């Protein structure tokens, strides 16, 4: 949906008004230093009852799964559609969304030579490059000690896993997909414990660990350049704006050439931003909630700049505006989210590491 000019102006005025009074510097420092404490208290209070499972993930981000599993899910969706001919249009819309993602993925990961944002990739070359155990940070991966998921051929990392509202919908699908492995981390130890204590958690398919992505010195439990997918959903907004670029830069190093980073987060002038009262603003478009947790509201240009500076190329970057209606409370909410997909380019030639692939003009829809 599109906002009218009047609606956008009203939103800007509300955001400007609730930003007039800033949180004191000493309190801002406390919220930064004790960020993990506030999130631990959040999960101690709400456990896994606050957020709903993100069963929409595969519709918006079919790239989470290996190609073969995506095809199977698409077939299941079509079969389900046939049995629900008289169902609401919402299902059809979701299936179209899945199809859109599939079309793009096939264009950029299908057979033969493919291109994304001006770069030409050869699928076989990419597979050979990323499967080569010699090409891992200039070290022999085979010489490293075994790590969780070392035997997998397709690896996913969810950053900021919380209580597992993305983890368990993903695991439900991955458990039938040989060769796949899911890593998930959070800097709130209480959240990681909730994931590990869940009845569906299985260390054969998943490794949950405590990690502060803002600390560059902290090692990950796996080498760089081995991830096929990184999922970053409603996480970057909780981090101080000055530290976001460093986080994105570090995550980009974890991706294989050709790997995907999938992003969804709060957009500028979302209802959640406009509802803040004076005295909750930390800095421009950055707020603290009553429980001490923080949230930033992005524009798609900010998102593009961050991921582009990290060396990733845009596949998708859009503003998702939706009108949500609570009929019981008779309340309308203008929701705004940013949804993006960025890919790590494959630039090195196997035959000559100093060569780069030929560039072509290519526009992603």
Protein backbone atom coordinates (compact mmCIF):
# COMPACT_ATOMS: atom_id res chain seq x y z
CA UNK A 1 0.00 0.00 0.00
CA UNK A 2 1.06 3.60 -0.59
CA UNK A 3 0.76 6.45 1.87
CA UNK A 4 -0.86 9.71 0.86
CA UNK A 5 1.25 12.86 1.12
CA UNK A 6 -0.87 13.94 4.08
CA UNK A 7 -0.27 10.65 5.91
CA UNK A 8 3.47 10.90 5.37
CA UNK A 9 3.60 14.49 6.58
CA UNK A 10 1.63 13.58 9.71
CA UNK A 11 4.03 10.73 10.41
CA UNK A 12 7.06 13.03 10.06
CA UNK A 13 5.48 15.52 12.46
CA UNK A 14 4.80 12.85 15.09
CA UNK A 15 8.37 11.52 14.85
CA UNK A 16 9.79 15.03 15.13
CA UNK A 17 7.59 15.74 18.14
CA UNK A 18 8.53 12.59 20.09
CA UNK A 19 12.23 13.24 19.35
CA UNK A 20 12.32 16.70 20.96
CA UNK A 21 13.31 15.40 24.40
CA UNK A 22 16.34 13.11 24.38
CA UNK A 23 17.33 10.54 27.01
CA UNK A 24 20.13 11.81 29.29
CA UNK A 25 23.68 10.80 28.23
CA UNK A 26 24.39 8.84 31.40
CA UNK A 27 21.22 6.79 30.86
CA UNK A 28 22.09 6.26 27.20
CA UNK A 29 25.46 4.87 28.26
CA UNK A 30 23.73 2.53 30.71
CA UNK A 31 21.40 1.19 28.02
CA UNK A 32 24.42 0.48 25.82
CA UNK A 33 26.56 -1.16 28.50
CA UNK A 34 23.72 -3.22 29.93
CA UNK A 35 21.93 -4.13 26.69
CA UNK A 36 22.27 -7.88 27.29
CA UNK A 37 20.83 -7.49 30.80
CA UNK A 38 17.67 -5.86 29.49
CA UNK A 39 17.17 -8.57 26.86
CA UNK A 40 17.82 -11.31 29.41
CA UNK A 41 15.15 -9.77 31.63
CA UNK A 42 12.83 -9.62 28.62
CA UNK A 43 13.17 -13.38 27.97
CA UNK A 44 13.01 -14.18 31.66
CA UNK A 45 9.65 -12.40 31.78
CA UNK A 46 8.13 -13.50 28.47
CA UNK A 47 10.03 -16.76 27.80
CA UNK A 48 8.85 -17.99 24.38
CA UNK A 49 5.34 -16.56 24.63
CA UNK A 50 5.90 -13.03 23.28
CA UNK A 51 6.62 -13.53 19.57
CA UNK A 52 4.74 -15.82 17.20
CA UNK A 53 6.59 -18.40 15.10
CA UNK A 54 7.67 -16.89 11.78
CA UNK A 55 6.01 -19.38 9.48
CA UNK A 56 6.03 -16.67 6.78
CA UNK A 57 9.81 -16.95 6.40
CA UNK A 58 9.77 -19.38 3.47
CA UNK A 59 7.24 -17.25 1.59
CA UNK A 60 9.28 -14.05 1.86
CA UNK A 61 12.70 -15.73 1.86
CA UNK A 62 12.62 -19.00 -0.12
CA UNK A 63 16.41 -18.57 -0.43
CA UNK A 64 16.75 -19.89 3.14
CA UNK A 65 16.51 -23.42 1.80
CA UNK A 66 18.60 -25.42 -0.67
CA UNK A 67 17.20 -25.38 -4.20
CA UNK A 68 15.89 -28.95 -4.09
CA UNK A 69 13.98 -28.34 -0.86
CA UNK A 70 12.55 -25.10 -2.26
CA UNK A 71 11.18 -27.02 -5.23
CA UNK A 72 9.55 -29.54 -2.89
CA UNK A 73 7.91 -26.80 -0.83
CA UNK A 74 6.67 -25.10 -3.98
CA UNK A 75 5.08 -28.37 -5.10
CA UNK A 76 3.44 -28.76 -1.69
CA UNK A 77 2.12 -25.18 -1.90
CA UNK A 78 0.60 -25.85 -5.32
CA UNK A 79 -0.99 -29.07 -4.07
CA UNK A 80 -2.44 -27.21 -1.11
CA UNK A 81 -3.76 -24.51 -3.43
CA UNK A 82 -5.65 -27.08 -5.47
CA UNK A 83 -7.46 -28.28 -2.35
CA UNK A 84 -8.36 -24.75 -1.30
CA UNK A 85 -9.79 -23.28 -4.49
CA UNK A 86 -12.43 -21.38 -2.56
CA UNK A 87 -10.06 -20.07 0.12
CA UNK A 88 -9.21 -16.39 0.62
CA UNK A 89 -6.96 -14.43 -1.71
CA UNK A 90 -4.33 -14.13 1.03
CA UNK A 91 -3.09 -17.64 0.33
CA UNK A 92 -2.84 -16.90 -3.38
CA UNK A 93 -0.89 -13.72 -2.63
CA UNK A 94 1.54 -15.63 -0.44
CA UNK A 95 2.02 -18.30 -3.08
CA UNK A 96 2.73 -15.57 -5.64
CA UNK A 97 5.30 -14.14 -3.26
CA UNK A 98 7.01 -17.52 -3.07
CA UNK A 99 6.94 -17.79 -6.86
CA UNK A 100 8.53 -14.32 -7.16
CA UNK A 101 11.36 -15.34 -4.85
CA UNK A 102 11.84 -18.56 -6.78
CA UNK A 103 12.00 -16.73 -10.11
CA UNK A 104 14.65 -14.38 -8.81
CA UNK A 105 16.67 -17.16 -7.20
CA UNK A 106 16.63 -19.23 -10.37
CA UNK A 107 17.76 -16.17 -12.33
CA UNK A 108 20.67 -15.64 -9.97
CA UNK A 109 21.48 -19.21 -8.92
CA UNK A 110 20.21 -21.34 -11.79
CA UNK A 111 22.22 -23.32 -14.30
CA UNK A 112 24.89 -21.79 -16.48
CA UNK A 113 26.09 -18.21 -16.31
CA UNK A 114 24.13 -15.92 -14.01
CA UNK A 115 24.37 -12.26 -13.07
CA UNK A 116 23.49 -10.06 -10.12
CA UNK A 117 23.93 -6.28 -10.01
CA UNK A 118 26.47 -6.22 -12.80
CA UNK A 119 28.49 -9.33 -11.91
CA UNK A 120 28.48 -12.54 -13.94
CA UNK A 121 28.74 -15.80 -12.04
CA UNK A 122 29.13 -19.31 -13.33
CA UNK A 123 27.20 -21.79 -11.18
CA UNK A 124 29.72 -24.59 -11.63
CA UNK A 125 32.60 -22.23 -10.93
CA UNK A 126 30.89 -20.96 -7.79
CA UNK A 127 30.23 -24.49 -6.58
CA UNK A 128 33.80 -25.51 -7.25
CA UNK A 129 35.10 -22.40 -5.49
CA UNK A 130 32.95 -22.68 -2.37
CA UNK A 131 33.26 -26.45 -2.06
CA UNK A 132 37.05 -26.33 -2.34
CA UNK A 133 38.39 -27.00 1.18
CA UNK A 134 41.61 -25.18 0.27
CA UNK A 135 39.88 -21.82 -0.19
CA UNK A 136 38.94 -20.79 3.34
CA UNK A 137 40.70 -17.63 4.50
CA UNK A 138 43.87 -18.90 2.84
CA UNK A 139 43.92 -21.87 5.19
CA UNK A 140 43.13 -25.52 4.63
CA UNK A 141 39.73 -26.14 6.19
CA UNK A 142 40.61 -29.82 6.36
CA UNK A 143 43.45 -28.88 8.70
CA UNK A 144 41.14 -27.18 11.18
CA UNK A 145 39.62 -28.96 14.12
CA UNK A 146 36.11 -30.32 13.62
CA UNK A 147 33.34 -27.84 14.37
CA UNK A 148 29.53 -28.12 14.62
CA UNK A 149 28.12 -28.58 11.13
CA UNK A 150 31.53 -29.31 9.60
CA UNK A 151 30.07 -32.20 7.60
CA UNK A 152 27.18 -30.15 6.21
CA UNK A 153 27.06 -28.91 2.63
CA UNK A 154 24.47 -26.15 3.23
CA UNK A 155 24.76 -23.90 6.29
CA UNK A 156 22.48 -21.18 7.66
CA UNK A 157 23.09 -18.70 10.49
CA UNK A 158 20.30 -16.82 12.25
CA UNK A 159 21.64 -13.80 14.13
CA UNK A 160 19.56 -12.79 17.15
CA UNK A 161 17.58 -16.01 17.40
CA UNK A 162 15.65 -14.98 20.52
CA UNK A 163 13.45 -17.79 21.81
CA UNK A 164 13.57 -19.64 18.48
CA UNK A 165 10.59 -18.22 16.57
CA UNK A 166 12.56 -18.57 13.34
CA UNK A 167 14.74 -21.49 14.43
CA UNK A 168 12.00 -24.06 14.89
CA UNK A 169 10.02 -23.34 11.71
CA UNK A 170 13.33 -23.70 9.85
CA UNK A 171 14.32 -26.88 11.69
CA UNK A 172 10.94 -28.39 10.95
CA UNK A 173 11.87 -28.23 7.27
CA UNK A 174 15.60 -28.90 7.59
CA UNK A 175 15.14 -32.15 9.51
CA UNK A 176 14.03 -33.71 6.21
CA UNK A 177 16.87 -32.12 4.24
CA UNK A 178 20.15 -34.07 4.45
CA UNK A 179 23.39 -32.07 4.45
CA UNK A 180 21.94 -28.93 5.99
CA UNK A 181 22.86 -27.31 9.29
CA UNK A 182 21.50 -24.31 11.21
CA UNK A 183 23.53 -22.07 13.50
CA UNK A 184 21.73 -19.58 15.70
CA UNK A 185 23.05 -17.06 18.19
CA UNK A 186 21.89 -14.38 20.58
CA UNK A 187 23.75 -12.23 23.09
CA UNK A 188 21.05 -12.88 25.68
CA UNK A 189 22.06 -16.16 27.35
CA UNK A 190 18.49 -16.62 28.55
CA UNK A 191 17.25 -16.69 24.96
CA UNK A 192 19.81 -19.31 23.94
CA UNK A 193 18.81 -21.47 26.91
CA UNK A 194 15.17 -21.28 25.78
CA UNK A 195 16.21 -22.55 22.35
CA UNK A 196 18.35 -25.37 23.71
CA UNK A 197 15.67 -26.53 26.15
CA UNK A 198 12.97 -26.67 23.46
CA UNK A 199 11.69 -30.16 22.65
CA UNK A 200 12.45 -29.67 18.94
CA UNK A 201 16.08 -28.66 19.44
CA UNK A 202 18.49 -31.25 18.07
CA UNK A 203 22.27 -30.74 18.04
CA UNK A 204 22.49 -32.98 14.97
CA UNK A 205 20.80 -30.24 12.93
CA UNK A 206 21.42 -27.09 14.94
CA UNK A 207 23.99 -25.31 17.12
CA UNK A 208 22.75 -22.49 19.38
CA UNK A 209 25.38 -20.32 21.06
CA UNK A 210 25.74 -17.05 22.96
CA UNK A 211 27.45 -14.38 20.86
CA UNK A 212 27.70 -10.57 20.83
CA UNK A 213 27.90 -9.59 17.16
CA UNK A 214 29.17 -6.14 18.17
CA UNK A 215 32.38 -7.65 19.54
CA UNK A 216 34.71 -8.24 16.58
CA UNK A 217 37.21 -10.03 18.81
CA UNK A 218 34.78 -12.84 19.62
CA UNK A 219 35.34 -15.86 17.37
CA UNK A 220 32.46 -17.75 15.78
CA UNK A 221 32.35 -21.54 16.29
CA UNK A 222 33.03 -22.03 12.57
CA UNK A 223 35.42 -20.57 9.94
CA UNK A 224 34.72 -17.59 7.72
CA UNK A 225 33.23 -18.02 4.25
CA UNK A 226 31.25 -21.20 4.90
CA UNK A 227 27.68 -19.86 5.23
CA UNK A 228 25.15 -20.10 2.43
CA UNK A 229 22.57 -17.90 4.18
CA UNK A 230 22.52 -15.39 7.03
CA UNK A 231 19.15 -14.43 8.46
CA UNK A 232 19.02 -10.98 10.07
CA UNK A 233 15.39 -10.35 11.06
CA UNK A 234 14.43 -7.59 13.53
CA UNK A 235 17.93 -7.67 15.02
CA UNK A 236 20.04 -4.87 13.55
CA UNK A 237 17.51 -2.34 14.86
CA UNK A 238 18.38 -3.29 18.45
CA UNK A 239 22.04 -2.24 17.96
CA UNK A 240 23.42 1.27 18.39
CA UNK A 241 23.56 2.98 14.95
CA UNK A 242 27.29 3.70 15.35
CA UNK A 243 28.01 -0.04 15.59
CA UNK A 244 25.77 -1.34 12.81
CA UNK A 245 28.29 -1.04 9.97
CA UNK A 246 30.89 -3.04 11.88
CA UNK A 247 28.36 -5.79 12.51
CA UNK A 248 27.36 -6.00 8.84
CA UNK A 249 31.03 -6.00 7.74
CA UNK A 250 31.80 -8.94 10.03
CA UNK A 251 28.76 -10.94 8.96
CA UNK A 252 29.66 -10.46 5.29
CA UNK A 253 32.97 -12.26 5.93
CA UNK A 254 31.07 -15.34 7.10
CA UNK A 255 29.26 -15.78 3.78
CA UNK A 256 30.49 -17.99 0.97
CA UNK A 257 30.96 -16.20 -2.36
CA UNK A 258 27.42 -16.24 -3.74
CA UNK A 259 25.91 -16.54 -0.24
CA UNK A 260 22.83 -14.54 0.70
CA UNK A 261 22.07 -12.20 3.60
CA UNK A 262 18.32 -11.91 4.21
CA UNK A 263 17.15 -8.84 6.12
CA UNK A 264 13.85 -7.62 7.53
CA UNK A 265 13.43 -4.86 10.13
CA UNK A 266 11.49 -1.78 11.19
CA UNK A 267 11.03 1.00 8.64
CA UNK A 268 10.93 4.75 9.15
CA UNK A 269 7.60 6.03 10.56
CA UNK A 270 6.28 2.61 11.48
CA UNK A 271 3.43 2.79 14.01
CA UNK A 272 5.84 1.59 16.70
CA UNK A 273 8.00 4.68 16.15
CA UNK A 274 5.10 7.11 16.18
CA UNK A 275 3.73 5.69 19.44
CA UNK A 276 6.81 6.63 21.49
CA UNK A 277 6.28 9.40 24.01
CA UNK A 278 8.70 12.26 24.58
CA UNK A 279 11.75 11.30 26.61
CA UNK A 280 12.29 7.90 24.94
CA UNK A 281 14.41 9.12 22.01
CA UNK A 282 18.11 8.27 22.24
CA UNK A 283 19.16 9.81 18.92
CA UNK A 284 17.58 10.41 15.54
CA UNK A 285 15.14 7.52 14.86
CA UNK A 286 16.62 5.48 17.74
CA UNK A 287 14.49 4.88 20.85
CA UNK A 288 14.43 3.01 24.14
CA UNK A 289 11.36 1.09 25.24
CA UNK A 290 10.02 1.01 28.77
CA UNK A 291 11.79 -2.31 29.43
CA UNK A 292 15.21 -0.91 28.46
CA UNK A 293 15.44 -2.60 25.04
CA UNK A 294 16.16 -0.33 22.09
CA UNK A 295 14.96 -0.01 18.50
CA UNK A 296 16.01 1.86 15.37
CA UNK A 297 13.78 2.65 12.35
CA UNK A 298 15.49 2.36 8.94
CA UNK A 299 15.10 3.78 5.46
CA UNK A 300 15.89 1.48 2.55
CA UNK A 301 18.68 3.86 1.47
CA UNK A 302 20.39 3.41 4.85
CA UNK A 303 20.10 -0.35 4.51
CA UNK A 304 21.49 -0.31 0.96
CA UNK A 305 24.46 1.83 2.00
CA UNK A 306 25.40 -0.45 4.91
CA UNK A 307 25.33 -3.67 2.94
CA UNK A 308 26.95 -2.10 -0.10
CA UNK A 309 29.87 -0.83 2.03
CA UNK A 310 30.25 -4.40 3.32
CA UNK A 311 30.83 -5.56 -0.27
CA UNK A 312 27.40 -7.14 -0.83
CA UNK A 313 25.26 -6.60 -3.92
CA UNK A 314 21.55 -5.82 -3.86
CA UNK A 315 19.09 -8.48 -4.92
CA UNK A 316 16.03 -6.94 -3.28
CA UNK A 317 15.55 -3.80 -1.17
CA UNK A 318 12.02 -2.58 -0.62
CA UNK A 319 9.70 -0.79 1.77
CA UNK A 320 6.82 -3.02 2.89
CA UNK A 321 3.87 -0.89 4.04
CA UNK A 322 0.79 -2.61 5.42
CA UNK A 323 -2.38 -1.54 7.14
CA UNK A 324 -3.15 -3.73 10.14
CA UNK A 325 -6.59 -3.50 11.72
CA UNK A 326 -7.45 -4.67 15.21
CA UNK A 327 -11.21 -5.03 14.82
CA UNK A 328 -11.72 -5.85 18.48
CA UNK A 329 -10.05 -2.62 19.63
CA UNK A 330 -11.07 -0.73 16.46
CA UNK A 331 -7.49 0.39 15.92
CA UNK A 332 -5.70 0.87 12.59
CA UNK A 333 -1.91 0.58 12.44
CA UNK A 334 0.28 1.71 9.55
CA UNK A 335 3.13 -0.82 9.64
CA UNK A 336 6.37 -0.12 7.80
CA UNK A 337 9.15 -2.68 7.34
CA UNK A 338 12.28 -2.85 5.21
CA UNK A 339 12.87 -6.17 3.48
CA UNK A 340 16.15 -6.81 1.69
CA UNK A 341 18.27 -9.53 0.13
CA UNK A 342 21.98 -8.99 -0.50
CA UNK A 343 24.45 -11.37 -2.06
CA UNK A 344 28.21 -11.80 -1.66
CA UNK A 345 29.69 -11.55 -5.15
CA UNK A 346 32.02 -14.14 -6.65
CA UNK A 347 34.77 -12.04 -8.18
CA UNK A 348 37.87 -14.26 -8.15
CA UNK A 349 38.61 -16.50 -11.09
CA UNK A 350 39.72 -20.02 -10.20
CA UNK A 351 42.32 -20.04 -12.96
CA UNK A 352 43.72 -16.62 -12.09
CA UNK A 353 42.96 -15.21 -8.60
CA UNK A 354 43.93 -11.73 -9.83
CA UNK A 355 41.28 -11.73 -12.50
CA UNK A 356 37.75 -10.53 -11.90
CA UNK A 357 34.66 -11.71 -13.71
CA UNK A 358 33.38 -9.71 -16.62
CA UNK A 359 30.85 -7.03 -15.71
CA UNK A 360 27.55 -6.62 -17.50
CA UNK A 361 24.74 -4.16 -17.09
CA UNK A 362 21.97 -5.98 -15.22
CA UNK A 363 18.95 -4.60 -13.44
CA UNK A 364 17.29 -6.68 -10.73
CA UNK A 365 13.52 -6.13 -10.68
